[in-house]
């Protein structure tokens, strides 16, 4: 391909840049948004109703607020910031870093399912389980698992479902995880019209799942795919269409390029903002931390859009 060649029509930038710049600025206001303190007493009353044992002293809203700082500065950094806010009498009380750590691990991370028709993409990406260098790993870390696998299902604007697993061959396939995510979205009232996935999702079982739920697909077919059905007529039709049209025509008609903003775009922003390695030491905490990074990333993006909706 020569320097001036490109696929498809000439790109036309339709983005409202003023609105987008306002959104980017507003995202960072979340770090100083302490409106949740107005409901401090009421929230604690609801949390402690019927609770056995020691009552909660700090509301969940405070822990969510501190979680934004933990990903940037650690639990001691979050304690220092909260302590300063207490000294200015902006919040009623401050907790210590041990309490912050314990409560953050107990957070119930749920992703909102937006209303309306959804077009989604699913993909996986590796996250480092340690920040040590190559020499340390090659010398001392031979028995240590180095990567966690993060699998997300998302639209271009929202994260809908997340799984984090230890990266081991045969542990959990991306198509199986995608089926699980799509079923959860459907069960929670989401209406999925189309999925955009790469060649790893070219399986008969996955195509049968999509056919069962009447979901359109833009899934890149493997180059050695057979046109025999072998238990999936839906995949047979998709393979024939892909082979007859060729990749470029097929990709243009299916709008396959949308997959990038639904998955790769989110991964790029997530890793640039929060890094690609975990700080926790225990494997169970590493998996929680990686999922929490995605949850916070999604929460901050939604906060930025809240003034434009």
Protein backbone atom coordinates (compact mmCIF):
# COMPACT_ATOMS: atom_id res chain seq x y z
CA UNK A 1 0.00 0.00 0.00
CA UNK A 2 1.44 3.36 -1.00
CA UNK A 3 1.68 6.30 1.36
CA UNK A 4 -1.48 8.01 0.08
CA UNK A 5 -3.70 4.93 -0.17
CA UNK A 6 -6.30 4.14 2.47
CA UNK A 7 -9.39 2.02 2.84
CA UNK A 8 -12.92 3.31 2.40
CA UNK A 9 -14.13 6.87 2.14
CA UNK A 10 -12.19 9.94 3.22
CA UNK A 11 -12.43 10.38 6.98
CA UNK A 12 -14.75 13.17 8.07
CA UNK A 13 -14.28 14.35 11.66
CA UNK A 14 -17.79 14.92 13.06
CA UNK A 15 -16.76 15.20 16.69
CA UNK A 16 -17.88 18.28 18.62
CA UNK A 17 -14.44 19.19 19.94
CA UNK A 18 -15.65 21.86 22.36
CA UNK A 19 -18.01 19.39 24.00
CA UNK A 20 -15.33 16.70 24.08
CA UNK A 21 -12.78 19.06 25.66
CA UNK A 22 -15.34 19.97 28.34
CA UNK A 23 -15.88 16.27 28.97
CA UNK A 24 -12.14 15.62 29.37
CA UNK A 25 -11.82 18.47 31.87
CA UNK A 26 -14.92 17.45 33.84
CA UNK A 27 -13.60 13.90 34.31
CA UNK A 28 -11.00 15.21 36.74
CA UNK A 29 -13.56 17.02 38.87
CA UNK A 30 -14.49 13.62 40.30
CA UNK A 31 -11.34 13.75 42.46
CA UNK A 32 -12.74 16.76 44.35
CA UNK A 33 -16.45 15.93 44.22
CA UNK A 34 -17.49 15.47 47.87
CA UNK A 35 -21.24 15.90 47.45
CA UNK A 36 -21.57 12.37 48.84
CA UNK A 37 -20.80 13.75 52.33
CA UNK A 38 -24.30 15.27 52.47
CA UNK A 39 -25.78 11.79 52.80
CA UNK A 40 -23.15 10.48 55.25
CA UNK A 41 -25.50 9.79 58.21
CA UNK A 42 -28.35 8.43 56.11
CA UNK A 43 -26.08 6.07 54.19
CA UNK A 44 -24.48 4.72 57.36
CA UNK A 45 -27.93 4.18 58.88
CA UNK A 46 -28.99 2.08 55.88
CA UNK A 47 -25.70 0.14 55.85
CA UNK A 48 -25.92 -0.73 59.56
CA UNK A 49 -29.60 -1.68 59.57
CA UNK A 50 -29.79 -5.34 60.54
CA UNK A 51 -25.98 -5.69 60.56
CA UNK A 52 -24.49 -8.06 63.11
CA UNK A 53 -21.20 -7.20 64.78
CA UNK A 54 -19.37 -3.88 64.73
CA UNK A 55 -21.23 -1.16 62.81
CA UNK A 56 -19.78 0.58 59.79
CA UNK A 57 -18.15 3.92 60.62
CA UNK A 58 -17.46 5.06 57.04
CA UNK A 59 -20.02 4.97 54.20
CA UNK A 60 -19.45 3.13 50.93
CA UNK A 61 -19.49 6.47 49.09
CA UNK A 62 -16.33 7.45 50.95
CA UNK A 63 -14.58 4.20 49.99
CA UNK A 64 -15.54 4.72 46.32
CA UNK A 65 -14.17 8.27 46.52
CA UNK A 66 -10.90 7.00 48.02
CA UNK A 67 -10.56 4.24 45.43
CA UNK A 68 -9.86 6.88 42.76
CA UNK A 69 -6.81 8.02 44.75
CA UNK A 70 -5.66 4.50 45.62
CA UNK A 71 -5.03 3.67 41.95
CA UNK A 72 -2.82 6.75 41.63
CA UNK A 73 -1.17 7.11 45.05
CA UNK A 74 -1.78 3.88 46.98
CA UNK A 75 -3.72 3.46 50.24
CA UNK A 76 -1.39 5.72 52.25
CA UNK A 77 -1.74 8.44 49.64
CA UNK A 78 -5.54 8.11 49.85
CA UNK A 79 -5.31 8.37 53.65
CA UNK A 80 -3.16 11.52 53.42
CA UNK A 81 -5.57 13.23 51.04
CA UNK A 82 -8.60 12.27 53.16
CA UNK A 83 -6.84 13.46 56.32
CA UNK A 84 -6.23 16.84 54.72
CA UNK A 85 -9.89 17.13 53.73
CA UNK A 86 -10.84 16.37 57.34
CA UNK A 87 -8.50 19.11 58.59
CA UNK A 88 -10.35 21.56 56.32
CA UNK A 89 -13.64 20.24 57.78
CA UNK A 90 -14.81 19.14 54.32
CA UNK A 91 -15.55 15.58 55.48
CA UNK A 92 -16.71 14.43 58.95
CA UNK A 93 -14.03 11.83 59.66
CA UNK A 94 -10.93 10.19 58.19
CA UNK A 95 -10.04 6.49 58.13
CA UNK A 96 -6.58 4.89 58.03
CA UNK A 97 -4.86 3.11 55.14
CA UNK A 98 -5.53 -0.38 56.60
CA UNK A 99 -9.27 0.30 56.68
CA UNK A 100 -9.13 1.74 53.16
CA UNK A 101 -7.32 -1.39 51.90
CA UNK A 102 -9.79 -3.78 53.55
CA UNK A 103 -12.92 -1.93 52.44
CA UNK A 104 -11.70 -1.49 48.86
CA UNK A 105 -11.15 -5.24 48.53
CA UNK A 106 -14.77 -5.71 49.64
CA UNK A 107 -16.19 -3.31 47.02
CA UNK A 108 -19.02 -4.70 44.90
CA UNK A 109 -18.02 -3.69 41.38
CA UNK A 110 -21.04 -3.53 39.09
CA UNK A 111 -21.21 -2.13 35.58
CA UNK A 112 -24.27 -0.28 34.34
CA UNK A 113 -26.11 -1.60 31.31
CA UNK A 114 -27.30 1.37 29.21
CA UNK A 115 -30.79 1.41 27.76
CA UNK A 116 -31.47 1.04 24.06
CA UNK A 117 -30.02 -1.13 21.30
CA UNK A 118 -26.39 -2.09 21.93
CA UNK A 119 -23.54 -2.92 19.57
CA UNK A 120 -20.73 -4.54 21.54
CA UNK A 121 -17.26 -5.98 21.20
CA UNK A 122 -15.34 -8.46 23.37
CA UNK A 123 -11.58 -8.88 23.56
CA UNK A 124 -8.83 -9.90 25.95
CA UNK A 125 -5.52 -8.31 26.91
CA UNK A 126 -2.66 -9.21 29.23
CA UNK A 127 -1.91 -7.30 32.45
CA UNK A 128 1.38 -7.78 34.31
CA UNK A 129 1.09 -9.31 37.76
CA UNK A 130 4.35 -7.73 38.90
CA UNK A 131 6.37 -4.63 38.06
CA UNK A 132 9.74 -6.33 38.44
CA UNK A 133 12.26 -6.20 35.59
CA UNK A 134 13.23 -8.95 33.17
CA UNK A 135 16.42 -9.84 35.08
CA UNK A 136 14.55 -10.29 38.37
CA UNK A 137 11.91 -12.42 36.68
CA UNK A 138 14.40 -14.61 34.82
CA UNK A 139 16.52 -15.10 37.95
CA UNK A 140 13.97 -15.35 40.77
CA UNK A 141 10.50 -15.46 39.24
CA UNK A 142 10.44 -18.68 37.28
CA UNK A 143 7.62 -20.12 39.39
CA UNK A 144 5.68 -16.85 39.48
CA UNK A 145 2.82 -16.34 37.04
CA UNK A 146 3.59 -13.12 35.20
CA UNK A 147 0.32 -12.16 33.57
CA UNK A 148 -3.37 -11.82 34.30
CA UNK A 149 -5.81 -11.91 31.40
CA UNK A 150 -8.38 -9.14 31.29
CA UNK A 151 -11.46 -9.74 29.11
CA UNK A 152 -13.95 -6.93 28.58
CA UNK A 153 -17.24 -6.59 26.73
CA UNK A 154 -17.98 -2.98 25.84
CA UNK A 155 -19.70 -0.49 23.58
CA UNK A 156 -17.77 2.48 22.22
CA UNK A 157 -18.75 4.46 25.35
CA UNK A 158 -19.35 1.99 28.19
CA UNK A 159 -17.79 -1.07 29.77
CA UNK A 160 -20.56 -3.65 30.23
CA UNK A 161 -18.84 -6.71 31.71
CA UNK A 162 -15.36 -7.72 32.89
CA UNK A 163 -13.57 -10.96 33.75
CA UNK A 164 -10.01 -11.22 35.06
CA UNK A 165 -8.25 -14.59 35.22
CA UNK A 166 -4.74 -15.92 35.67
CA UNK A 167 -3.32 -16.28 32.17
CA UNK A 168 -3.05 -20.05 31.69
CA UNK A 169 -3.62 -22.09 28.55
CA UNK A 170 -7.10 -23.60 28.58
CA UNK A 171 -8.12 -21.71 31.72
CA UNK A 172 -10.99 -19.74 30.16
CA UNK A 173 -11.47 -19.05 26.47
CA UNK A 174 -12.49 -15.64 25.14
CA UNK A 175 -15.54 -16.98 23.23
CA UNK A 176 -16.86 -18.71 26.38
CA UNK A 177 -16.33 -15.52 28.37
CA UNK A 178 -18.08 -13.50 25.66
CA UNK A 179 -21.09 -15.84 25.86
CA UNK A 180 -21.17 -15.40 29.62
CA UNK A 181 -20.97 -11.60 29.31
CA UNK A 182 -23.64 -11.39 26.61
CA UNK A 183 -25.98 -13.59 28.64
CA UNK A 184 -25.47 -11.38 31.71
CA UNK A 185 -26.21 -8.26 29.65
CA UNK A 186 -29.36 -9.83 28.21
CA UNK A 187 -30.50 -11.00 31.66
CA UNK A 188 -30.07 -7.42 32.94
CA UNK A 189 -32.28 -5.94 30.25
CA UNK A 190 -29.67 -5.14 27.59
CA UNK A 191 -30.73 -5.42 23.92
CA UNK A 192 -27.75 -6.55 21.82
CA UNK A 193 -28.12 -6.10 18.09
CA UNK A 194 -24.60 -6.87 16.86
CA UNK A 195 -21.17 -8.03 18.05
CA UNK A 196 -17.76 -7.11 16.62
CA UNK A 197 -15.01 -9.65 17.43
CA UNK A 198 -11.67 -10.83 16.07
CA UNK A 199 -10.68 -14.24 14.73
CA UNK A 200 -10.39 -15.80 18.19
CA UNK A 201 -14.21 -15.82 18.35
CA UNK A 202 -14.62 -17.84 15.16
CA UNK A 203 -16.09 -20.93 16.84
CA UNK A 204 -19.21 -22.94 16.07
CA UNK A 205 -20.48 -22.78 19.63
CA UNK A 206 -20.22 -18.98 19.72
CA UNK A 207 -22.00 -18.58 16.38
CA UNK A 208 -24.77 -20.91 17.62
CA UNK A 209 -25.16 -18.74 20.73
CA UNK A 210 -25.51 -15.62 18.56
CA UNK A 211 -28.04 -17.37 16.31
CA UNK A 212 -30.08 -18.44 19.34
CA UNK A 213 -30.36 -14.83 20.51
CA UNK A 214 -30.79 -13.36 17.00
CA UNK A 215 -27.62 -11.26 17.25
CA UNK A 216 -25.84 -10.04 14.12
CA UNK A 217 -22.09 -10.50 13.93
CA UNK A 218 -18.94 -9.05 12.43
CA UNK A 219 -16.42 -11.75 13.32
CA UNK A 220 -13.29 -12.16 11.26
CA UNK A 221 -13.20 -15.69 9.87
CA UNK A 222 -9.97 -17.69 10.03
CA UNK A 223 -8.17 -18.10 6.70
CA UNK A 224 -8.31 -21.92 6.86
CA UNK A 225 -12.02 -22.05 7.78
CA UNK A 226 -14.06 -24.82 6.16
CA UNK A 227 -17.39 -24.15 4.47
CA UNK A 228 -18.89 -27.29 6.00
CA UNK A 229 -21.39 -26.64 8.76
CA UNK A 230 -20.17 -29.29 11.26
CA UNK A 231 -22.95 -28.38 13.67
CA UNK A 232 -23.35 -24.68 12.92
CA UNK A 233 -25.28 -23.50 9.87
CA UNK A 234 -24.82 -19.90 11.02
CA UNK A 235 -21.04 -20.23 10.85
CA UNK A 236 -21.24 -21.95 7.45
CA UNK A 237 -23.14 -18.96 6.04
CA UNK A 238 -20.69 -16.50 7.61
CA UNK A 239 -17.69 -18.38 6.20
CA UNK A 240 -19.18 -18.44 2.70
CA UNK A 241 -19.92 -14.73 2.83
CA UNK A 242 -16.39 -13.93 4.05
CA UNK A 243 -14.70 -16.06 1.37
CA UNK A 244 -16.91 -14.81 -1.46
CA UNK A 245 -16.46 -11.12 -0.70
CA UNK A 246 -12.87 -11.09 0.50
CA UNK A 247 -11.64 -9.39 3.63
CA UNK A 248 -11.68 -5.75 2.45
CA UNK A 249 -15.21 -5.81 1.02
CA UNK A 250 -16.50 -7.88 3.94
CA UNK A 251 -14.90 -5.53 6.52
CA UNK A 252 -16.35 -2.44 4.84
CA UNK A 253 -19.86 -3.86 4.60
CA UNK A 254 -19.82 -5.25 8.15
CA UNK A 255 -18.20 -2.04 9.54
CA UNK A 256 -15.62 -4.27 11.19
CA UNK A 257 -13.49 -1.25 12.09
CA UNK A 258 -15.91 -0.41 14.92
CA UNK A 259 -14.29 -3.24 16.90
CA UNK A 260 -11.26 -1.05 17.54
CA UNK A 261 -13.11 1.66 19.43
CA UNK A 262 -15.11 -0.92 21.41
CA UNK A 263 -12.11 -2.86 22.69
CA UNK A 264 -8.65 -1.67 21.63
CA UNK A 265 -9.52 1.97 22.32
CA UNK A 266 -10.59 1.15 25.87
CA UNK A 267 -7.46 -0.95 26.50
CA UNK A 268 -5.22 1.83 25.20
CA UNK A 269 -6.84 4.47 27.44
CA UNK A 270 -6.90 2.14 30.45
CA UNK A 271 -3.22 1.21 30.26
CA UNK A 272 -2.10 4.78 29.57
CA UNK A 273 -4.09 6.05 32.55
CA UNK A 274 -3.49 3.28 35.10
CA UNK A 275 -0.55 1.28 33.81
CA UNK A 276 -0.41 -2.35 32.74
CA UNK A 277 0.80 -3.93 35.97
CA UNK A 278 -0.72 -4.64 39.39
CA UNK A 279 0.63 -3.46 42.74
CA UNK A 280 -0.98 -6.17 44.88
CA UNK A 281 0.99 -9.29 45.85
CA UNK A 282 -1.64 -11.99 46.39
CA UNK A 283 -3.13 -13.41 43.21
CA UNK A 284 -6.73 -12.97 44.41
CA UNK A 285 -6.02 -9.30 45.18
CA UNK A 286 -4.29 -8.79 41.83
CA UNK A 287 -7.40 -10.01 40.00
CA UNK A 288 -9.58 -7.66 42.07
CA UNK A 289 -7.21 -4.75 41.45
CA UNK A 290 -7.23 -5.20 37.68
CA UNK A 291 -11.03 -5.32 37.62
CA UNK A 292 -11.16 -2.24 39.87
CA UNK A 293 -8.96 -0.32 37.43
CA UNK A 294 -11.49 -0.97 34.66
CA UNK A 295 -14.41 -0.04 36.94
CA UNK A 296 -12.77 3.27 37.93
CA UNK A 297 -11.88 4.04 34.30
CA UNK A 298 -15.51 3.50 33.31
CA UNK A 299 -16.82 5.49 36.30
CA UNK A 300 -14.65 8.53 35.48
CA UNK A 301 -15.64 8.47 31.78
CA UNK A 302 -19.32 8.43 32.74
CA UNK A 303 -18.75 11.30 35.17
CA UNK A 304 -17.19 13.37 32.39
CA UNK A 305 -20.22 12.82 30.14
CA UNK A 306 -22.74 13.60 32.88
CA UNK A 307 -22.80 17.35 32.08
CA UNK A 308 -23.45 16.73 28.39
CA UNK A 309 -26.39 14.33 28.69
